[in-house]
């Protein structure tokens, strides 16, 4: 028996479709239009074809920004994923302290990105910042404004402080779904702590870990506000990631054609990576 179709339901979805069209599709079409044209002002455009795409692909500056972006994302994942798992494993499972730890872990996630950048910008200053002044008093030559390594360390520590909680909370949710019978069976078999983690906890966290990796990679690959507020992309171009370079091209230099082509390539790269992660996640779920 065929299920009846209520065509009037489309009228309820129509406002959402119109909102998406005006907020996403139309701006995207505008960017596509700018990416294949050139202008000399006066609202006059000239067909440029794939010229801007070729310029972006062969740009040494953008390649350098891409290298910094990939390096930053790799470091973030290498730190935050193991650290989040470690924190989740050591959090209380029940009682008052479990609730207290959950609230405490959620606090950094509630702080807006620009506020996080401002906090660490002040925190790391040598003259008035607690971190910078303390390191200087200990005889450590630290200045994230002038030293590229110090700038990288500051941004990485800032991101770890801000987002490790997300990984920990996801892993904690995965651990909470493990039945007590699993642990009881492992205790009867006298399994070591490592074997409990390897054969019980890690497989049960596999789904949430894939989500954590996806979210953290996407966010770190698109990061803009925090490093821009802290370092402005400096010193020099040391912390100029793809998003900061894109904004400089579009707003600072007002090169709309290259900026539009740049943003489309950026979007396609993120879309491709998202598709890969989605394929891996759905394949993993299908195999369980």
Protein backbone atom coordinates (compact mmCIF):
# COMPACT_ATOMS: atom_id res chain seq x y z
CA UNK A 1 0.00 0.00 0.00
CA UNK A 2 1.43 3.32 -1.10
CA UNK A 3 1.95 5.96 1.54
CA UNK A 4 -0.13 9.11 0.86
CA UNK A 5 1.87 12.18 -0.04
CA UNK A 6 0.88 15.52 1.45
CA UNK A 7 2.07 18.13 -1.07
CA UNK A 8 0.93 20.96 1.20
CA UNK A 9 3.88 20.15 3.48
CA UNK A 10 6.16 21.78 0.90
CA UNK A 11 4.62 25.15 1.78
CA UNK A 12 5.99 24.73 5.31
CA UNK A 13 9.48 24.08 3.93
CA UNK A 14 9.32 26.92 1.41
CA UNK A 15 10.36 29.71 3.86
CA UNK A 16 13.45 27.72 4.83
CA UNK A 17 14.35 27.15 1.17
CA UNK A 18 13.99 30.86 0.42
CA UNK A 19 16.12 31.76 3.45
CA UNK A 20 18.85 29.35 2.35
CA UNK A 21 18.68 30.72 -1.18
CA UNK A 22 19.19 34.32 -0.07
CA UNK A 23 21.80 33.54 2.59
CA UNK A 24 23.86 30.88 0.80
CA UNK A 25 23.02 30.16 -2.85
CA UNK A 26 22.83 33.74 -4.12
CA UNK A 27 26.07 34.86 -2.42
CA UNK A 28 27.76 31.75 -3.78
CA UNK A 29 26.60 32.57 -7.30
CA UNK A 30 27.95 36.11 -6.83
CA UNK A 31 31.33 34.72 -5.85
CA UNK A 32 31.31 32.43 -8.90
CA UNK A 33 30.48 35.43 -11.09
CA UNK A 34 33.41 37.46 -9.69
CA UNK A 35 35.80 34.51 -10.04
CA UNK A 36 35.52 34.41 -13.83
CA UNK A 37 35.43 38.16 -14.51
CA UNK A 38 37.58 41.25 -14.07
CA UNK A 39 36.58 44.85 -13.48
CA UNK A 40 38.23 48.25 -13.67
CA UNK A 41 35.45 50.02 -11.79
CA UNK A 42 32.32 51.72 -12.99
CA UNK A 43 30.42 48.42 -12.60
CA UNK A 44 31.90 47.21 -15.89
CA UNK A 45 33.03 43.58 -16.00
CA UNK A 46 35.20 41.72 -18.50
CA UNK A 47 35.37 37.99 -19.02
CA UNK A 48 38.56 36.52 -17.51
CA UNK A 49 37.79 32.81 -17.66
CA UNK A 50 40.02 30.69 -15.44
CA UNK A 51 42.73 33.33 -15.17
CA UNK A 52 42.16 33.96 -11.46
CA UNK A 53 42.05 30.25 -10.64
CA UNK A 54 45.37 29.75 -12.41
CA UNK A 55 46.85 32.69 -10.51
CA UNK A 56 45.68 31.33 -7.16
CA UNK A 57 46.89 27.78 -7.82
CA UNK A 58 50.37 28.96 -8.84
CA UNK A 59 50.70 31.59 -6.11
CA UNK A 60 53.70 30.96 -3.86
CA UNK A 61 52.09 33.05 -1.11
CA UNK A 62 48.94 30.93 -1.06
CA UNK A 63 50.96 27.72 -1.19
CA UNK A 64 52.92 28.90 1.85
CA UNK A 65 49.65 29.74 3.65
CA UNK A 66 48.31 26.30 2.77
CA UNK A 67 51.43 24.69 4.21
CA UNK A 68 51.04 26.64 7.45
CA UNK A 69 47.35 25.72 7.58
CA UNK A 70 47.99 22.00 7.16
CA UNK A 71 50.79 22.09 9.74
CA UNK A 72 48.58 23.90 12.24
CA UNK A 73 45.69 21.44 11.78
CA UNK A 74 48.03 18.45 12.11
CA UNK A 75 49.53 19.80 15.36
CA UNK A 76 46.09 20.58 16.77
CA UNK A 77 44.80 17.08 16.05
CA UNK A 78 47.97 15.45 17.39
CA UNK A 79 47.54 17.30 20.71
CA UNK A 80 43.82 17.67 21.27
CA UNK A 81 42.62 14.18 20.34
CA UNK A 82 44.94 12.24 22.74
CA UNK A 83 44.56 14.92 25.42
CA UNK A 84 40.76 14.86 25.13
CA UNK A 85 40.75 11.05 25.44
CA UNK A 86 43.01 11.25 28.50
CA UNK A 87 40.79 13.84 30.18
CA UNK A 88 37.62 11.85 29.44
CA UNK A 89 39.12 8.66 30.86
CA UNK A 90 40.00 10.41 34.11
CA UNK A 91 36.71 12.26 34.63
CA UNK A 92 34.35 10.99 37.34
CA UNK A 93 31.58 8.82 35.97
CA UNK A 94 28.82 9.60 38.48
CA UNK A 95 27.92 11.92 41.31
CA UNK A 96 28.45 15.60 42.07
CA UNK A 97 32.01 15.74 40.77
CA UNK A 98 30.93 14.31 37.43
CA UNK A 99 28.45 17.16 36.98
CA UNK A 100 31.01 19.69 38.22
CA UNK A 101 33.62 18.47 35.71
CA UNK A 102 31.11 18.57 32.84
CA UNK A 103 30.22 22.18 33.62
CA UNK A 104 33.88 23.09 34.01
CA UNK A 105 34.79 21.48 30.69
CA UNK A 106 31.96 23.27 28.92
CA UNK A 107 32.98 26.75 30.07
CA UNK A 108 35.71 27.37 27.43
CA UNK A 109 33.28 26.38 24.69
CA UNK A 110 30.88 29.15 25.73
CA UNK A 111 33.40 31.94 25.19
CA UNK A 112 33.13 33.69 21.77
CA UNK A 113 36.11 33.34 19.44
CA UNK A 114 36.99 37.03 19.40
CA UNK A 115 36.91 37.14 23.20
CA UNK A 116 39.24 34.14 23.33
CA UNK A 117 41.66 35.94 21.03
CA UNK A 118 41.50 39.10 23.14
CA UNK A 119 42.06 37.15 26.36
CA UNK A 120 45.19 35.48 25.04
CA UNK A 121 46.41 38.67 23.39
CA UNK A 122 46.45 40.37 26.78
CA UNK A 123 47.49 37.22 28.65
CA UNK A 124 50.62 36.79 26.55
CA UNK A 125 51.82 40.40 26.60
CA UNK A 126 55.18 40.87 28.26
CA UNK A 127 54.31 44.20 29.88
CA UNK A 128 50.86 43.58 31.38
CA UNK A 129 50.02 39.93 30.60
CA UNK A 130 50.26 37.32 33.36
CA UNK A 131 51.83 34.70 31.09
CA UNK A 132 54.26 37.01 29.33
CA UNK A 133 55.32 38.80 32.52
CA UNK A 134 55.82 35.50 34.39
CA UNK A 135 57.94 33.99 31.63
CA UNK A 136 60.01 37.16 31.45
CA UNK A 137 60.53 37.06 35.25
CA UNK A 138 61.73 33.45 34.90
CA UNK A 139 64.33 34.56 32.37
CA UNK A 140 62.54 33.07 29.35
CA UNK A 141 62.76 35.20 26.22
CA UNK A 142 59.11 35.16 25.15
CA UNK A 143 57.48 37.65 22.79
CA UNK A 144 54.76 36.43 20.47
CA UNK A 145 54.71 39.78 18.65
CA UNK A 146 58.29 39.56 17.35
CA UNK A 147 59.13 35.84 17.44
CA UNK A 148 57.44 33.44 15.02
CA UNK A 149 57.93 30.37 17.21
CA UNK A 150 56.45 32.14 20.24
CA UNK A 151 53.49 33.23 18.10
CA UNK A 152 52.88 29.66 16.97
CA UNK A 153 53.15 28.32 20.53
CA UNK A 154 50.71 30.95 21.77
CA UNK A 155 48.11 30.19 19.09
CA UNK A 156 48.43 26.43 19.54
CA UNK A 157 48.13 26.62 23.35
CA UNK A 158 45.17 28.97 22.95
CA UNK A 159 43.38 26.56 20.61
CA UNK A 160 44.14 23.58 22.85
CA UNK A 161 42.74 25.47 25.85
CA UNK A 162 39.64 26.47 23.92
CA UNK A 163 38.70 23.26 22.11
CA UNK A 164 40.12 20.25 23.96
CA UNK A 165 36.94 20.33 26.06
CA UNK A 166 34.90 19.48 22.98
CA UNK A 167 36.92 16.32 22.33
CA UNK A 168 36.80 15.38 26.01
CA UNK A 169 33.02 15.79 26.22
CA UNK A 170 32.46 13.72 23.07
CA UNK A 171 34.74 10.96 24.36
CA UNK A 172 33.05 11.11 27.76
CA UNK A 173 29.68 10.58 26.08
CA UNK A 174 31.11 7.54 24.29
CA UNK A 175 32.47 6.12 27.54
CA UNK A 176 29.14 6.59 29.30
CA UNK A 177 27.47 4.35 26.71
CA UNK A 178 29.61 1.34 27.71
CA UNK A 179 27.61 -1.14 29.84
CA UNK A 180 29.05 -2.01 33.25
CA UNK A 181 28.98 -5.68 32.25
CA UNK A 182 31.93 -5.06 29.93
CA UNK A 183 34.07 -3.80 32.80
CA UNK A 184 32.92 -6.63 35.06
CA UNK A 185 33.90 -9.21 32.45
CA UNK A 186 37.30 -7.55 32.02
CA UNK A 187 37.81 -7.59 35.81
CA UNK A 188 36.99 -11.29 35.95
CA UNK A 189 39.48 -11.96 33.15
CA UNK A 190 42.05 -9.83 35.01
CA UNK A 191 42.56 -7.62 31.97
CA UNK A 192 45.11 -4.85 32.35
CA UNK A 193 44.16 -1.16 32.15
CA UNK A 194 45.67 -0.93 28.68
CA UNK A 195 43.67 -3.93 27.41
CA UNK A 196 40.45 -2.47 28.82
CA UNK A 197 41.16 0.72 26.93
CA UNK A 198 42.30 -1.05 23.76
CA UNK A 199 39.52 -3.62 23.43
CA UNK A 200 36.57 -2.07 25.28
CA UNK A 201 36.77 1.71 25.56
CA UNK A 202 38.50 2.66 22.31
CA UNK A 203 36.14 0.65 20.03
CA UNK A 204 33.13 2.17 21.78
CA UNK A 205 34.57 5.65 21.31
CA UNK A 206 35.38 5.13 17.65
CA UNK A 207 32.23 6.84 16.38
CA UNK A 208 32.55 9.93 18.58
CA UNK A 209 36.28 10.11 17.86
CA UNK A 210 35.56 10.32 14.14
CA UNK A 211 33.13 13.14 14.83
CA UNK A 212 35.69 14.87 17.06
CA UNK A 213 38.40 14.58 14.41
CA UNK A 214 36.04 15.88 11.73
CA UNK A 215 34.91 18.87 13.80
CA UNK A 216 38.36 19.81 15.01
CA UNK A 217 39.99 19.44 11.60
CA UNK A 218 37.32 21.50 9.88
CA UNK A 219 37.42 24.22 12.53
CA UNK A 220 41.22 24.36 12.67
CA UNK A 221 41.41 24.42 8.87
CA UNK A 222 39.06 27.41 8.77
CA UNK A 223 40.40 29.24 11.83
CA UNK A 224 40.50 32.99 11.47
CA UNK A 225 39.31 35.08 14.43
CA UNK A 226 41.64 33.89 17.18
CA UNK A 227 45.00 34.14 15.36
CA UNK A 228 43.95 37.38 13.67
CA UNK A 229 43.11 39.00 17.01
CA UNK A 230 46.28 37.72 18.70
CA UNK A 231 48.91 38.21 16.00
CA UNK A 232 47.17 39.69 12.95
CA UNK A 233 48.89 37.01 10.87
CA UNK A 234 52.36 38.02 12.06
CA UNK A 235 55.10 38.42 12.84
CA UNK A 236 55.58 38.83 9.13
CA UNK A 237 53.47 36.06 7.60
CA UNK A 238 54.33 33.44 10.23
CA UNK A 239 50.72 32.91 11.31
CA UNK A 240 48.98 33.98 8.12
CA UNK A 241 46.70 31.03 7.47
CA UNK A 242 44.45 30.55 4.44
CA UNK A 243 41.49 32.38 5.94
CA UNK A 244 43.60 35.40 6.94
CA UNK A 245 45.26 35.48 3.52
CA UNK A 246 41.84 35.34 1.88
CA UNK A 247 40.57 38.30 3.92
CA UNK A 248 43.71 40.29 3.12
CA UNK A 249 43.21 39.62 -0.58
CA UNK A 250 39.50 40.47 -0.59
CA UNK A 251 39.38 43.42 1.82
CA UNK A 252 42.95 44.63 2.21
CA UNK A 253 43.90 44.58 -1.48
CA UNK A 254 40.32 44.57 -2.83
CA UNK A 255 41.25 42.02 -5.50
CA UNK A 256 37.76 40.63 -5.93
CA UNK A 257 38.56 38.26 -8.80
CA UNK A 258 41.49 36.42 -7.15
CA UNK A 259 39.67 36.50 -3.80
CA UNK A 260 36.56 34.91 -5.32
CA UNK A 261 38.60 32.20 -7.03
CA UNK A 262 40.55 31.67 -3.80
CA UNK A 263 37.36 31.29 -1.76
CA UNK A 264 35.89 28.76 -4.21
CA UNK A 265 39.05 26.64 -4.13
CA UNK A 266 39.07 26.93 -0.33
CA UNK A 267 35.42 25.85 -0.24
CA UNK A 268 36.03 22.87 -2.54
CA UNK A 269 38.97 21.68 -0.45
CA UNK A 270 36.86 21.80 2.72
CA UNK A 271 33.96 20.11 0.92
CA UNK A 272 36.25 17.33 -0.32
CA UNK A 273 37.67 16.70 3.13
CA UNK A 274 34.17 16.70 4.63
CA UNK A 275 33.07 14.15 2.04
CA UNK A 276 36.04 11.91 2.87
CA UNK A 277 35.26 12.06 6.58
CA UNK A 278 31.57 11.45 5.93
CA UNK A 279 32.39 8.42 3.79
CA UNK A 280 34.67 7.01 6.48
CA UNK A 281 32.10 7.60 9.21
CA UNK A 282 29.17 6.05 7.31
CA UNK A 283 31.32 3.09 6.28
CA UNK A 284 32.33 2.55 9.90
CA UNK A 285 28.72 2.71 11.06
CA UNK A 286 27.67 0.29 8.38
CA UNK A 287 30.28 -2.23 9.46
CA UNK A 288 29.18 -2.22 13.12
